[in-house]
């Protein structure tokens, strides 16, 4: 299914939101590692952050899916 012109702004907002969350979590993990004396490269932090974002989005999708099914929509 190809996105329509009306849905493109929503897709861009969603993508920007995911990138912002990923960047914030990456930097948080990296800074926490430095503060706790376990310095690590930015790459592993970015990979962990990506996994966290994917798990979070899957959980959110599941929650919304179950909620709409309970309403009978």
Protein backbone atom coordinates (compact mmCIF):
# COMPACT_ATOMS: atom_id res chain seq x y z
CA UNK A 1 0.00 0.00 0.00
CA UNK A 2 1.54 3.27 -1.14
CA UNK A 3 1.18 6.25 1.22
CA UNK A 4 -1.09 9.01 -0.01
CA UNK A 5 -0.12 12.69 -0.12
CA UNK A 6 -2.28 13.35 2.93
CA UNK A 7 -0.49 10.71 5.02
CA UNK A 8 3.07 11.82 4.17
CA UNK A 9 3.28 14.60 6.81
CA UNK A 10 2.15 12.11 9.45
CA UNK A 11 4.81 9.63 8.30
CA UNK A 12 7.50 12.32 8.47
CA UNK A 13 6.40 13.28 12.01
CA UNK A 14 6.47 9.63 13.06
CA UNK A 15 9.94 9.12 11.54
CA UNK A 16 11.26 12.30 13.15
CA UNK A 17 9.86 11.21 16.50
CA UNK A 18 11.52 7.79 16.26
CA UNK A 19 14.87 9.32 15.29
CA UNK A 20 14.64 11.82 18.15
CA UNK A 21 13.88 9.05 20.68
CA UNK A 22 16.71 6.91 19.29
CA UNK A 23 19.21 9.78 19.52
CA UNK A 24 18.13 10.70 23.04
CA UNK A 25 18.37 7.11 24.30
CA UNK A 26 21.74 6.65 22.57
CA UNK A 27 23.21 9.71 24.26
CA UNK A 28 21.68 8.78 27.61
CA UNK A 29 23.25 5.31 27.49
CA UNK A 30 26.60 6.73 26.43
CA UNK A 31 26.63 9.41 29.16
CA UNK A 32 25.51 6.93 31.83
CA UNK A 33 28.29 4.57 30.79
CA UNK A 34 30.84 7.37 31.14
CA UNK A 35 29.44 8.45 34.52
CA UNK A 36 29.53 4.90 35.87
CA UNK A 37 33.10 4.35 34.71
CA UNK A 38 32.24 1.90 31.95
CA UNK A 39 33.14 3.88 28.84
CA UNK A 40 31.87 2.36 25.65
CA UNK A 41 31.81 3.39 22.03
CA UNK A 42 28.82 5.19 20.61
CA UNK A 43 28.06 2.32 18.17
CA UNK A 44 27.00 -0.25 20.78
CA UNK A 45 24.97 2.42 22.57
CA UNK A 46 23.22 3.25 19.29
CA UNK A 47 22.46 -0.42 18.65
CA UNK A 48 21.02 -0.86 22.15
CA UNK A 49 18.96 2.29 21.76
CA UNK A 50 17.58 1.05 18.43
CA UNK A 51 16.54 -2.21 20.08
CA UNK A 52 14.82 -0.29 22.89
CA UNK A 53 12.94 1.87 20.39
CA UNK A 54 11.79 -1.19 18.40
CA UNK A 55 10.59 -2.95 21.55
CA UNK A 56 8.82 0.20 22.74
CA UNK A 57 7.09 0.73 19.41
CA UNK A 58 6.02 -2.92 19.25
CA UNK A 59 4.58 -2.65 22.75
CA UNK A 60 2.74 0.55 21.86
CA UNK A 61 1.33 -1.01 18.69
CA UNK A 62 0.16 -4.06 20.68
CA UNK A 63 -1.49 -1.86 23.30
CA UNK A 64 -3.36 0.18 20.67
CA UNK A 65 -4.35 -2.97 18.77
CA UNK A 66 -5.79 -4.66 21.85
CA UNK A 67 -7.55 -1.48 22.94
CA UNK A 68 -9.29 -1.10 19.56
CA UNK A 69 -10.32 -4.77 19.54
CA UNK A 70 -11.89 -4.48 22.99
CA UNK A 71 -14.01 -1.58 21.77
CA UNK A 72 -15.14 -3.62 18.79
CA UNK A 73 -13.77 -1.15 16.24
